[in-house]
């Protein structure tokens, strides 16, 4: 029995080994290295990096651009997460009912997810183009609005990027909610209908509580996406105008690869990791009493 147990133990670790190697090589080791580099200056030419203590963190605290992109990112998260989740639930409820052409509607909702983000950004760049873009043509014809530079105005640039992100993400989250809806026992809904419950009561008292495990999973992914999706920023605004649409990860890229301040970029990355960890832990505590597993 001991020999069998030892053999199973070895086989289990061997099966886990490839995933562990990739996890340590591309996640844990870079994270630790980044944390260590945040206490060092940027090496330049033949001058090696030297230990500078908390100078990079003091620079971060006094950096007005950091606080601006942090505010942008929080606003971006507040704009994308609730809208993406609410829209994905509505879409899942819609395509889960008996609907003519239901498969076609599901495919249409999911199509933006499979499109490359760069391609999506170029499509929406045409929509937002002043003068001859789709939005200006439609709004001008229907309401007589004048030409609007949606991506060039600091007041609308970030909101325009939020719209693109919601359009891209909602179909992806819909798939998880659709699977969760199909796993809910039909008997619960039928019993509620027999008791005379309305569609809203059934959703709020039965369906939505049973969707909370999926909502927890989706919300964590939405939070992570709101701090890591920057591909469309390159195409749509490049962080402008005047950092009005710049997000934290985009600022890290600029500092590291455009300004070549790798030490300070490591400090910004540590701040991003700490923020994501705090948000993820907060979500688990917030949803702890609301999640019901069947």
C-alpha atoms as a PDB file:
ATOM      1  CA  UNK A   1       0.000   0.000   0.000  1.00  0.00           C
ATOM      2  CA  UNK A   2       2.872   2.385   0.811  1.00  0.00           C
ATOM      3  CA  UNK A   3       4.495   1.644  -2.545  1.00  0.00           C
ATOM      4  CA  UNK A   4       1.194   2.336  -4.366  1.00  0.00           C
ATOM      5  CA  UNK A   5       0.682   5.577  -2.425  1.00  0.00           C
ATOM      6  CA  UNK A   6       4.237   6.721  -3.174  1.00  0.00           C
ATOM      7  CA  UNK A   7       3.834   5.888  -6.864  1.00  0.00           C
ATOM      8  CA  UNK A   8       0.542   7.836  -7.055  1.00  0.00           C
ATOM      9  CA  UNK A   9       2.170  10.757  -5.230  1.00  0.00           C
ATOM     10  CA  UNK A  10       5.051  10.834  -7.739  1.00  0.00           C
ATOM     11  CA  UNK A  11       2.673  10.559 -10.702  1.00  0.00           C
ATOM     12  CA  UNK A  12       0.537  13.400  -9.330  1.00  0.00           C
ATOM     13  CA  UNK A  13       3.508  15.741  -8.980  1.00  0.00           C
ATOM     14  CA  UNK A  14       4.800  14.783 -12.422  1.00  0.00           C
ATOM     15  CA  UNK A  15       1.432  15.696 -13.926  1.00  0.00           C
ATOM     16  CA  UNK A  16       1.491  19.017 -12.092  1.00  0.00           C
ATOM     17  CA  UNK A  17       5.118  19.762 -12.980  1.00  0.00           C
ATOM     18  CA  UNK A  18       4.601  21.355 -16.458  1.00  0.00           C
ATOM     19  CA  UNK A  19       1.933  23.734 -15.131  1.00  0.00           C
ATOM     20  CA  UNK A  20       4.062  24.574 -12.089  1.00  0.00           C
ATOM     21  CA  UNK A  21       7.084  25.321 -14.262  1.00  0.00           C
ATOM     22  CA  UNK A  22       5.106  27.742 -16.420  1.00  0.00           C
ATOM     23  CA  UNK A  23       3.441  29.280 -13.356  1.00  0.00           C
ATOM     24  CA  UNK A  24       6.735  29.944 -11.601  1.00  0.00           C
ATOM     25  CA  UNK A  25       8.612  30.949 -14.766  1.00  0.00           C
ATOM     26  CA  UNK A  26       6.037  33.448 -16.033  1.00  0.00           C
ATOM     27  CA  UNK A  27       4.184  34.541 -12.882  1.00  0.00           C
ATOM     28  CA  UNK A  28       5.885  34.091  -9.516  1.00  0.00           C
ATOM     29  CA  UNK A  29       9.513  34.644 -10.483  1.00  0.00           C
ATOM     30  CA  UNK A  30       8.766  37.798 -12.575  1.00  0.00           C
ATOM     31  CA  UNK A  31       6.609  39.150  -9.722  1.00  0.00           C
ATOM     32  CA  UNK A  32       9.390  38.680  -7.174  1.00  0.00           C
ATOM     33  CA  UNK A  33      11.977  40.098  -9.588  1.00  0.00           C
ATOM     34  CA  UNK A  34       9.775  43.141 -10.231  1.00  0.00           C
ATOM     35  CA  UNK A  35       9.379  43.750  -6.508  1.00  0.00           C
ATOM     36  CA  UNK A  36      13.165  43.588  -6.018  1.00  0.00           C
ATOM     37  CA  UNK A  37      13.815  45.880  -9.010  1.00  0.00           C
ATOM     38  CA  UNK A  38      11.468  48.498  -7.561  1.00  0.00           C
ATOM     39  CA  UNK A  39      14.156  49.264  -4.950  1.00  0.00           C
ATOM     40  CA  UNK A  40      16.863  49.823  -7.582  1.00  0.00           C
ATOM     41  CA  UNK A  41      17.641  52.584 -10.053  1.00  0.00           C
ATOM     42  CA  UNK A  42      17.467  52.077 -13.815  1.00  0.00           C
ATOM     43  CA  UNK A  43      20.730  50.751 -15.317  1.00  0.00           C
ATOM     44  CA  UNK A  44      21.990  52.948 -18.148  1.00  0.00           C
ATOM     45  CA  UNK A  45      24.841  52.089 -20.477  1.00  0.00           C
ATOM     46  CA  UNK A  46      27.720  50.780 -18.417  1.00  0.00           C
ATOM     47  CA  UNK A  47      26.283  52.144 -15.178  1.00  0.00           C
ATOM     48  CA  UNK A  48      24.662  49.249 -13.307  1.00  0.00           C
ATOM     49  CA  UNK A  49      21.532  49.542 -11.209  1.00  0.00           C
ATOM     50  CA  UNK A  50      22.118  50.531  -7.606  1.00  0.00           C
ATOM     51  CA  UNK A  51      20.017  50.149  -4.494  1.00  0.00           C
ATOM     52  CA  UNK A  52      18.071  53.361  -3.783  1.00  0.00           C
ATOM     53  CA  UNK A  53      15.629  52.159  -1.154  1.00  0.00           C
ATOM     54  CA  UNK A  54      12.207  53.798  -1.250  1.00  0.00           C
ATOM     55  CA  UNK A  55      13.090  56.607  -3.669  1.00  0.00           C
ATOM     56  CA  UNK A  56      10.989  55.101  -6.456  1.00  0.00           C
ATOM     57  CA  UNK A  57       8.002  54.838  -4.111  1.00  0.00           C
ATOM     58  CA  UNK A  58       8.468  58.450  -3.010  1.00  0.00           C
ATOM     59  CA  UNK A  59       8.562  59.449  -6.671  1.00  0.00           C
ATOM     60  CA  UNK A  60       5.360  57.492  -7.272  1.00  0.00           C
ATOM     61  CA  UNK A  61       3.627  59.275  -4.398  1.00  0.00           C
ATOM     62  CA  UNK A  62       4.569  62.689  -5.833  1.00  0.00           C
ATOM     63  CA  UNK A  63       3.870  61.780  -9.465  1.00  0.00           C
ATOM     64  CA  UNK A  64       0.767  63.681 -10.727  1.00  0.00           C
ATOM     65  CA  UNK A  65       0.555  61.528 -13.872  1.00  0.00           C
ATOM     66  CA  UNK A  66       0.337  58.380 -11.741  1.00  0.00           C
ATOM     67  CA  UNK A  67      -2.612  59.738  -9.777  1.00  0.00           C
ATOM     68  CA  UNK A  68      -4.292  60.882 -12.975  1.00  0.00           C
ATOM     69  CA  UNK A  69      -4.014  57.492 -14.667  1.00  0.00           C
ATOM     70  CA  UNK A  70      -5.064  55.825 -11.407  1.00  0.00           C
ATOM     71  CA  UNK A  71      -8.229  57.932 -11.357  1.00  0.00           C
ATOM     72  CA  UNK A  72      -8.757  57.136 -15.049  1.00  0.00           C
ATOM     73  CA  UNK A  73      -8.419  53.426 -14.346  1.00  0.00           C
ATOM     74  CA  UNK A  74     -10.862  53.516 -11.435  1.00  0.00           C
ATOM     75  CA  UNK A  75     -13.369  55.405 -13.572  1.00  0.00           C
ATOM     76  CA  UNK A  76     -12.740  52.917 -16.390  1.00  0.00           C
ATOM     77  CA  UNK A  77     -13.402  50.026 -13.993  1.00  0.00           C
ATOM     78  CA  UNK A  78     -16.574  51.640 -12.633  1.00  0.00           C
ATOM     79  CA  UNK A  79     -17.766  52.179 -16.181  1.00  0.00           C
ATOM     80  CA  UNK A  80     -16.963  48.771 -17.638  1.00  0.00           C
ATOM     81  CA  UNK A  81     -17.581  46.266 -14.815  1.00  0.00           C
ATOM     82  CA  UNK A  82     -21.241  47.008 -13.882  1.00  0.00           C
ATOM     83  CA  UNK A  83     -22.265  47.657 -17.482  1.00  0.00           C
ATOM     84  CA  UNK A  84     -20.577  44.498 -18.795  1.00  0.00           C
ATOM     85  CA  UNK A  85     -22.114  42.308 -16.088  1.00  0.00           C
ATOM     86  CA  UNK A  86     -25.616  43.814 -16.370  1.00  0.00           C
ATOM     87  CA  UNK A  87     -25.581  43.612 -20.162  1.00  0.00           C
ATOM     88  CA  UNK A  88     -24.264  40.045 -20.166  1.00  0.00           C
ATOM     89  CA  UNK A  89     -27.012  38.925 -17.741  1.00  0.00           C
ATOM     90  CA  UNK A  90     -29.675  40.589 -19.900  1.00  0.00           C
ATOM     91  CA  UNK A  91     -28.257  38.976 -23.041  1.00  0.00           C
ATOM     92  CA  UNK A  92     -28.066  35.548 -21.379  1.00  0.00           C
ATOM     93  CA  UNK A  93     -31.674  35.789 -20.179  1.00  0.00           C
ATOM     94  CA  UNK A  94     -32.760  36.825 -23.654  1.00  0.00           C
ATOM     95  CA  UNK A  95     -31.051  33.995 -25.556  1.00  0.00           C
ATOM     96  CA  UNK A  96     -31.976  31.424 -22.896  1.00  0.00           C
ATOM     97  CA  UNK A  97     -35.702  31.858 -23.615  1.00  0.00           C
ATOM     98  CA  UNK A  98     -37.536  30.350 -26.551  1.00  0.00           C
ATOM     99  CA  UNK A  99     -36.544  32.725 -29.310  1.00  0.00           C
ATOM    100  CA  UNK A 100     -36.755  32.511 -33.084  1.00  0.00           C
ATOM    101  CA  UNK A 101     -33.243  32.269 -34.487  1.00  0.00           C
ATOM    102  CA  UNK A 102     -31.788  31.809 -31.004  1.00  0.00           C
ATOM    103  CA  UNK A 103     -28.560  30.233 -32.268  1.00  0.00           C
ATOM    104  CA  UNK A 104     -28.000  33.135 -34.655  1.00  0.00           C
ATOM    105  CA  UNK A 105     -28.561  35.668 -31.868  1.00  0.00           C
ATOM    106  CA  UNK A 106     -26.135  33.829 -29.581  1.00  0.00           C
ATOM    107  CA  UNK A 107     -23.515  33.841 -32.316  1.00  0.00           C
ATOM    108  CA  UNK A 108     -24.078  37.550 -32.959  1.00  0.00           C
ATOM    109  CA  UNK A 109     -23.633  38.372 -29.255  1.00  0.00           C
ATOM    110  CA  UNK A 110     -20.489  36.253 -28.977  1.00  0.00           C
ATOM    111  CA  UNK A 111     -18.842  37.423 -32.223  1.00  0.00           C
ATOM    112  CA  UNK A 112     -17.129  40.529 -30.729  1.00  0.00           C
ATOM    113  CA  UNK A 113     -15.347  38.240 -28.255  1.00  0.00           C
ATOM    114  CA  UNK A 114     -13.529  36.239 -30.932  1.00  0.00           C
ATOM    115  CA  UNK A 115     -12.431  39.329 -32.862  1.00  0.00           C
ATOM    116  CA  UNK A 116      -8.866  40.520 -32.133  1.00  0.00           C
ATOM    117  CA  UNK A 117      -8.871  43.603 -29.930  1.00  0.00           C
ATOM    118  CA  UNK A 118      -6.758  45.509 -32.453  1.00  0.00           C
ATOM    119  CA  UNK A 119      -9.335  44.791 -35.160  1.00  0.00           C
ATOM    120  CA  UNK A 120     -12.140  45.892 -32.834  1.00  0.00           C
ATOM    121  CA  UNK A 121     -10.280  49.117 -32.077  1.00  0.00           C
ATOM    122  CA  UNK A 122      -9.875  49.875 -35.777  1.00  0.00           C
ATOM    123  CA  UNK A 123     -13.586  49.246 -36.392  1.00  0.00           C
ATOM    124  CA  UNK A 124     -14.561  51.641 -33.619  1.00  0.00           C
ATOM    125  CA  UNK A 125     -11.951  54.123 -34.777  1.00  0.00           C
ATOM    126  CA  UNK A 126     -13.989  54.440 -37.966  1.00  0.00           C
ATOM    127  CA  UNK A 127     -17.184  54.838 -35.907  1.00  0.00           C
ATOM    128  CA  UNK A 128     -15.643  57.672 -33.893  1.00  0.00           C
ATOM    129  CA  UNK A 129     -13.881  59.487 -36.762  1.00  0.00           C
ATOM    130  CA  UNK A 130     -15.066  63.131 -36.868  1.00  0.00           C
ATOM    131  CA  UNK A 131     -16.980  64.224 -39.946  1.00  0.00           C
ATOM    132  CA  UNK A 132     -17.441  60.955 -41.843  1.00  0.00           C
ATOM    133  CA  UNK A 133     -17.548  58.406 -39.000  1.00  0.00           C
ATOM    134  CA  UNK A 134     -20.676  56.319 -38.426  1.00  0.00           C
ATOM    135  CA  UNK A 135     -21.695  58.140 -35.245  1.00  0.00           C
ATOM    136  CA  UNK A 136     -21.396  61.603 -36.772  1.00  0.00           C
ATOM    137  CA  UNK A 137     -23.361  60.533 -39.826  1.00  0.00           C
ATOM    138  CA  UNK A 138     -26.159  58.908 -37.788  1.00  0.00           C
ATOM    139  CA  UNK A 139     -26.433  61.612 -35.122  1.00  0.00           C
ATOM    140  CA  UNK A 140     -26.136  64.354 -37.716  1.00  0.00           C
ATOM    141  CA  UNK A 141     -28.931  62.872 -39.831  1.00  0.00           C
ATOM    142  CA  UNK A 142     -31.291  62.094 -36.930  1.00  0.00           C
ATOM    143  CA  UNK A 143     -30.663  64.959 -34.511  1.00  0.00           C
ATOM    144  CA  UNK A 144     -28.725  67.514 -36.528  1.00  0.00           C
ATOM    145  CA  UNK A 145     -25.686  67.299 -34.242  1.00  0.00           C
ATOM    146  CA  UNK A 146     -22.473  68.902 -35.362  1.00  0.00           C
ATOM    147  CA  UNK A 147     -19.268  66.930 -35.851  1.00  0.00           C
ATOM    148  CA  UNK A 148     -17.813  65.623 -32.582  1.00  0.00           C
ATOM    149  CA  UNK A 149     -14.233  64.538 -31.950  1.00  0.00           C
ATOM    150  CA  UNK A 150     -15.105  61.751 -29.532  1.00  0.00           C
ATOM    151  CA  UNK A 151     -11.534  60.511 -29.105  1.00  0.00           C
ATOM    152  CA  UNK A 152      -9.860  63.918 -29.232  1.00  0.00           C
ATOM    153  CA  UNK A 153     -11.891  65.583 -26.497  1.00  0.00           C
ATOM    154  CA  UNK A 154     -10.612  65.004 -22.918  1.00  0.00           C
ATOM    155  CA  UNK A 155     -14.225  64.979 -21.692  1.00  0.00           C
ATOM    156  CA  UNK A 156     -15.309  62.091 -23.955  1.00  0.00           C
ATOM    157  CA  UNK A 157     -12.143  60.128 -24.826  1.00  0.00           C
ATOM    158  CA  UNK A 158     -12.176  57.741 -21.856  1.00  0.00           C
ATOM    159  CA  UNK A 159     -15.949  57.219 -22.047  1.00  0.00           C
ATOM    160  CA  UNK A 160     -15.594  56.350 -25.728  1.00  0.00           C
ATOM    161  CA  UNK A 161     -13.008  53.701 -24.826  1.00  0.00           C
ATOM    162  CA  UNK A 162     -15.369  52.350 -22.130  1.00  0.00           C
ATOM    163  CA  UNK A 163     -18.066  51.793 -24.763  1.00  0.00           C
ATOM    164  CA  UNK A 164     -15.646  49.761 -26.895  1.00  0.00           C
ATOM    165  CA  UNK A 165     -14.610  47.618 -23.927  1.00  0.00           C
ATOM    166  CA  UNK A 166     -18.200  46.869 -22.864  1.00  0.00           C
ATOM    167  CA  UNK A 167     -19.108  45.924 -26.435  1.00  0.00           C
ATOM    168  CA  UNK A 168     -16.130  43.575 -26.538  1.00  0.00           C
ATOM    169  CA  UNK A 169     -16.556  41.928 -23.114  1.00  0.00           C
ATOM    170  CA  UNK A 170     -20.312  41.508 -22.683  1.00  0.00           C
ATOM    171  CA  UNK A 171     -20.589  38.592 -25.118  1.00  0.00           C
ATOM    172  CA  UNK A 172     -17.784  36.719 -23.382  1.00  0.00           C
ATOM    173  CA  UNK A 173     -19.396  37.040 -19.945  1.00  0.00           C
ATOM    174  CA  UNK A 174     -22.764  36.092 -21.456  1.00  0.00           C
ATOM    175  CA  UNK A 175     -21.495  32.565 -22.149  1.00  0.00           C
ATOM    176  CA  UNK A 176     -20.834  31.950 -18.442  1.00  0.00           C
ATOM    177  CA  UNK A 177     -24.235  33.288 -17.413  1.00  0.00           C
ATOM    178  CA  UNK A 178     -25.945  31.251 -20.113  1.00  0.00           C
ATOM    179  CA  UNK A 179     -24.298  28.076 -18.814  1.00  0.00           C
ATOM    180  CA  UNK A 180     -25.306  28.994 -15.246  1.00  0.00           C
ATOM    181  CA  UNK A 181     -28.917  29.661 -16.284  1.00  0.00           C
ATOM    182  CA  UNK A 182     -29.165  26.273 -17.969  1.00  0.00           C
ATOM    183  CA  UNK A 183     -27.905  24.610 -14.775  1.00  0.00           C
ATOM    184  CA  UNK A 184     -30.719  26.074 -12.635  1.00  0.00           C
ATOM    185  CA  UNK A 185     -33.373  23.390 -11.922  1.00  0.00           C
ATOM    186  CA  UNK A 186     -36.527  24.054 -13.928  1.00  0.00           C
ATOM    187  CA  UNK A 187     -38.633  22.801 -11.016  1.00  0.00           C
ATOM    188  CA  UNK A 188     -37.742  25.880  -8.949  1.00  0.00           C
ATOM    189  CA  UNK A 189     -39.013  28.273 -11.595  1.00  0.00           C
ATOM    190  CA  UNK A 190     -42.136  26.204 -12.249  1.00  0.00           C
ATOM    191  CA  UNK A 191     -42.973  26.063  -8.545  1.00  0.00           C
ATOM    192  CA  UNK A 192     -42.611  29.846  -8.291  1.00  0.00           C
ATOM    193  CA  UNK A 193     -44.906  30.342 -11.286  1.00  0.00           C
ATOM    194  CA  UNK A 194     -47.530  28.068  -9.745  1.00  0.00           C
ATOM    195  CA  UNK A 195     -47.403  30.226  -6.614  1.00  0.00           C
ATOM    196  CA  UNK A 196     -48.106  33.271  -8.797  1.00  0.00           C
ATOM    197  CA  UNK A 197     -44.644  34.887  -8.724  1.00  0.00           C
ATOM    198  CA  UNK A 198     -43.937  37.452 -11.427  1.00  0.00           C
ATOM    199  CA  UNK A 199     -40.978  37.248 -13.815  1.00  0.00           C
ATOM    200  CA  UNK A 200     -39.183  39.950 -11.835  1.00  0.00           C
ATOM    201  CA  UNK A 201     -39.763  38.127  -8.524  1.00  0.00           C
ATOM    202  CA  UNK A 202     -38.526  34.872 -10.017  1.00  0.00           C
ATOM    203  CA  UNK A 203     -35.377  36.577 -11.303  1.00  0.00           C
ATOM    204  CA  UNK A 204     -34.640  38.529  -8.120  1.00  0.00           C
ATOM    205  CA  UNK A 205     -35.521  35.798  -5.597  1.00  0.00           C
ATOM    206  CA  UNK A 206     -34.467  32.632  -7.425  1.00  0.00           C
ATOM    207  CA  UNK A 207     -32.423  33.185 -10.576  1.00  0.00           C
ATOM    208  CA  UNK A 208     -30.075  35.958  -9.461  1.00  0.00           C
ATOM    209  CA  UNK A 209     -29.096  34.370  -6.091  1.00  0.00           C
ATOM    210  CA  UNK A 210     -28.256  31.139  -7.929  1.00  0.00           C
ATOM    211  CA  UNK A 211     -26.137  33.137 -10.379  1.00  0.00           C
ATOM    212  CA  UNK A 212     -23.951  34.600  -7.629  1.00  0.00           C
ATOM    213  CA  UNK A 213     -21.093  32.051  -7.982  1.00  0.00           C
ATOM    214  CA  UNK A 214     -20.912  32.956 -11.666  1.00  0.00           C
ATOM    215  CA  UNK A 215     -21.155  36.647 -10.808  1.00  0.00           C
ATOM    216  CA  UNK A 216     -18.207  36.298  -8.430  1.00  0.00           C
ATOM    217  CA  UNK A 217     -16.132  34.627 -11.145  1.00  0.00           C
ATOM    218  CA  UNK A 218     -17.179  37.130 -13.808  1.00  0.00           C
ATOM    219  CA  UNK A 219     -16.633  40.162 -11.570  1.00  0.00           C
ATOM    220  CA  UNK A 220     -13.080  39.090 -10.701  1.00  0.00           C
ATOM    221  CA  UNK A 221     -12.301  38.617 -14.387  1.00  0.00           C
ATOM    222  CA  UNK A 222     -13.907  41.969 -15.182  1.00  0.00           C
ATOM    223  CA  UNK A 223     -11.772  43.721 -12.569  1.00  0.00           C
ATOM    224  CA  UNK A 224      -8.594  42.121 -13.915  1.00  0.00           C
ATOM    225  CA  UNK A 225      -9.573  43.012 -17.486  1.00  0.00           C
ATOM    226  CA  UNK A 226     -10.247  46.632 -16.534  1.00  0.00           C
ATOM    227  CA  UNK A 227      -6.617  46.951 -15.423  1.00  0.00           C
ATOM    228  CA  UNK A 228      -4.957  44.939 -18.180  1.00  0.00           C
ATOM    229  CA  UNK A 229      -6.799  45.723 -21.415  1.00  0.00           C
ATOM    230  CA  UNK A 230      -4.740  48.438 -23.090  1.00  0.00           C
ATOM    231  CA  UNK A 231      -4.439  47.193 -26.686  1.00  0.00           C
ATOM    232  CA  UNK A 232      -7.306  49.394 -27.849  1.00  0.00           C
ATOM    233  CA  UNK A 233      -5.695  52.430 -26.184  1.00  0.00           C
ATOM    234  CA  UNK A 234      -2.776  52.202 -28.627  1.00  0.00           C
ATOM    235  CA  UNK A 235      -5.085  52.363 -31.640  1.00  0.00           C
ATOM    236  CA  UNK A 236      -7.827  54.691 -30.415  1.00  0.00           C
ATOM    237  CA  UNK A 237      -6.118  57.414 -28.379  1.00  0.00           C
ATOM    238  CA  UNK A 238      -2.518  56.455 -27.507  1.00  0.00           C
ATOM    239  CA  UNK A 239      -3.337  57.664 -24.002  1.00  0.00           C
ATOM    240  CA  UNK A 240      -4.308  61.157 -25.083  1.00  0.00           C
ATOM    241  CA  UNK A 241      -5.313  63.852 -25.141  1.00  0.00           C
ATOM    242  CA  UNK A 242      -3.144  64.969 -22.198  1.00  0.00           C
ATOM    243  CA  UNK A 243      -3.354  61.510 -20.557  1.00  0.00           C
ATOM    244  CA  UNK A 244      -7.156  61.787 -20.458  1.00  0.00           C
ATOM    245  CA  UNK A 245      -7.555  58.170 -21.604  1.00  0.00           C
ATOM    246  CA  UNK A 246      -4.294  56.732 -20.277  1.00  0.00           C
ATOM    247  CA  UNK A 247      -4.653  53.758 -17.935  1.00  0.00           C
ATOM    248  CA  UNK A 248      -2.209  52.432 -15.355  1.00  0.00           C
ATOM    249  CA  UNK A 249      -0.869  49.542 -17.438  1.00  0.00           C
ATOM    250  CA  UNK A 250      -0.453  51.829 -20.448  1.00  0.00           C
ATOM    251  CA  UNK A 251       1.487  54.268 -18.262  1.00  0.00           C
ATOM    252  CA  UNK A 252       3.700  51.393 -17.067  1.00  0.00           C
ATOM    253  CA  UNK A 253       4.403  50.534 -20.705  1.00  0.00           C
ATOM    254  CA  UNK A 254       5.291  54.151 -21.478  1.00  0.00           C
ATOM    255  CA  UNK A 255       7.624  54.465 -18.498  1.00  0.00           C
ATOM    256  CA  UNK A 256       9.340  51.145 -19.184  1.00  0.00           C
ATOM    257  CA  UNK A 257       9.652  51.072 -22.975  1.00  0.00           C
ATOM    258  CA  UNK A 258       9.309  54.667 -24.147  1.00  0.00           C
ATOM    259  CA  UNK A 259      11.096  56.529 -21.354  1.00  0.00           C
ATOM    260  CA  UNK A 260      13.269  53.511 -20.378  1.00  0.00           C
ATOM    261  CA  UNK A 261      12.760  54.004 -16.629  1.00  0.00           C
ATOM    262  CA  UNK A 262      12.640  50.314 -15.748  1.00  0.00           C
ATOM    263  CA  UNK A 263      13.165  50.844 -12.020  1.00  0.00           C
ATOM    264  CA  UNK A 264      10.245  53.234 -11.728  1.00  0.00           C
ATOM    265  CA  UNK A 265       8.154  51.003 -14.020  1.00  0.00           C
ATOM    266  CA  UNK A 266       8.758  48.126 -11.598  1.00  0.00           C
ATOM    267  CA  UNK A 267       7.458  50.309  -8.773  1.00  0.00           C
ATOM    268  CA  UNK A 268       4.336  51.123 -10.779  1.00  0.00           C
ATOM    269  CA  UNK A 269       3.852  47.415 -11.455  1.00  0.00           C
ATOM    270  CA  UNK A 270       4.057  46.626  -7.740  1.00  0.00           C
ATOM    271  CA  UNK A 271       1.397  49.256  -7.101  1.00  0.00           C
ATOM    272  CA  UNK A 272      -0.796  47.652  -9.774  1.00  0.00           C
ATOM    273  CA  UNK A 273      -0.357  44.168  -8.285  1.00  0.00           C
ATOM    274  CA  UNK A 274      -1.189  45.413  -4.784  1.00  0.00           C
ATOM    275  CA  UNK A 275      -4.281  47.187  -6.069  1.00  0.00           C
ATOM    276  CA  UNK A 276      -5.519  44.111  -7.951  1.00  0.00           C
ATOM    277  CA  UNK A 277      -4.893  41.901  -4.902  1.00  0.00           C
ATOM    278  CA  UNK A 278      -6.821  44.282  -2.643  1.00  0.00           C
ATOM    279  CA  UNK A 279      -9.733  44.445  -5.077  1.00  0.00           C
ATOM    280  CA  UNK A 280      -9.854  40.653  -5.484  1.00  0.00           C
ATOM    281  CA  UNK A 281      -9.785  40.060  -1.712  1.00  0.00           C
ATOM    282  CA  UNK A 282     -12.447  42.730  -1.237  1.00  0.00           C
ATOM    283  CA  UNK A 283     -14.665  41.027  -3.801  1.00  0.00           C
ATOM    284  CA  UNK A 284     -14.410  37.692  -1.998  1.00  0.00           C
ATOM    285  CA  UNK A 285     -15.414  39.296   1.303  1.00  0.00           C
ATOM    286  CA  UNK A 286     -18.226  41.265  -0.353  1.00  0.00           C
ATOM    287  CA  UNK A 287     -19.696  38.219  -2.101  1.00  0.00           C
ATOM    288  CA  UNK A 288     -19.039  35.793   0.774  1.00  0.00           C
ATOM    289  CA  UNK A 289     -22.560  35.899   2.228  1.00  0.00           C
ATOM    290  CA  UNK A 290     -24.229  36.379  -1.137  1.00  0.00           C
ATOM    291  CA  UNK A 291     -22.867  33.327  -2.931  1.00  0.00           C
ATOM    292  CA  UNK A 292     -25.094  30.263  -2.838  1.00  0.00           C
ATOM    293  CA  UNK A 293     -23.787  27.010  -4.264  1.00  0.00           C
ATOM    294  CA  UNK A 294     -26.335  24.460  -5.416  1.00  0.00           C
END
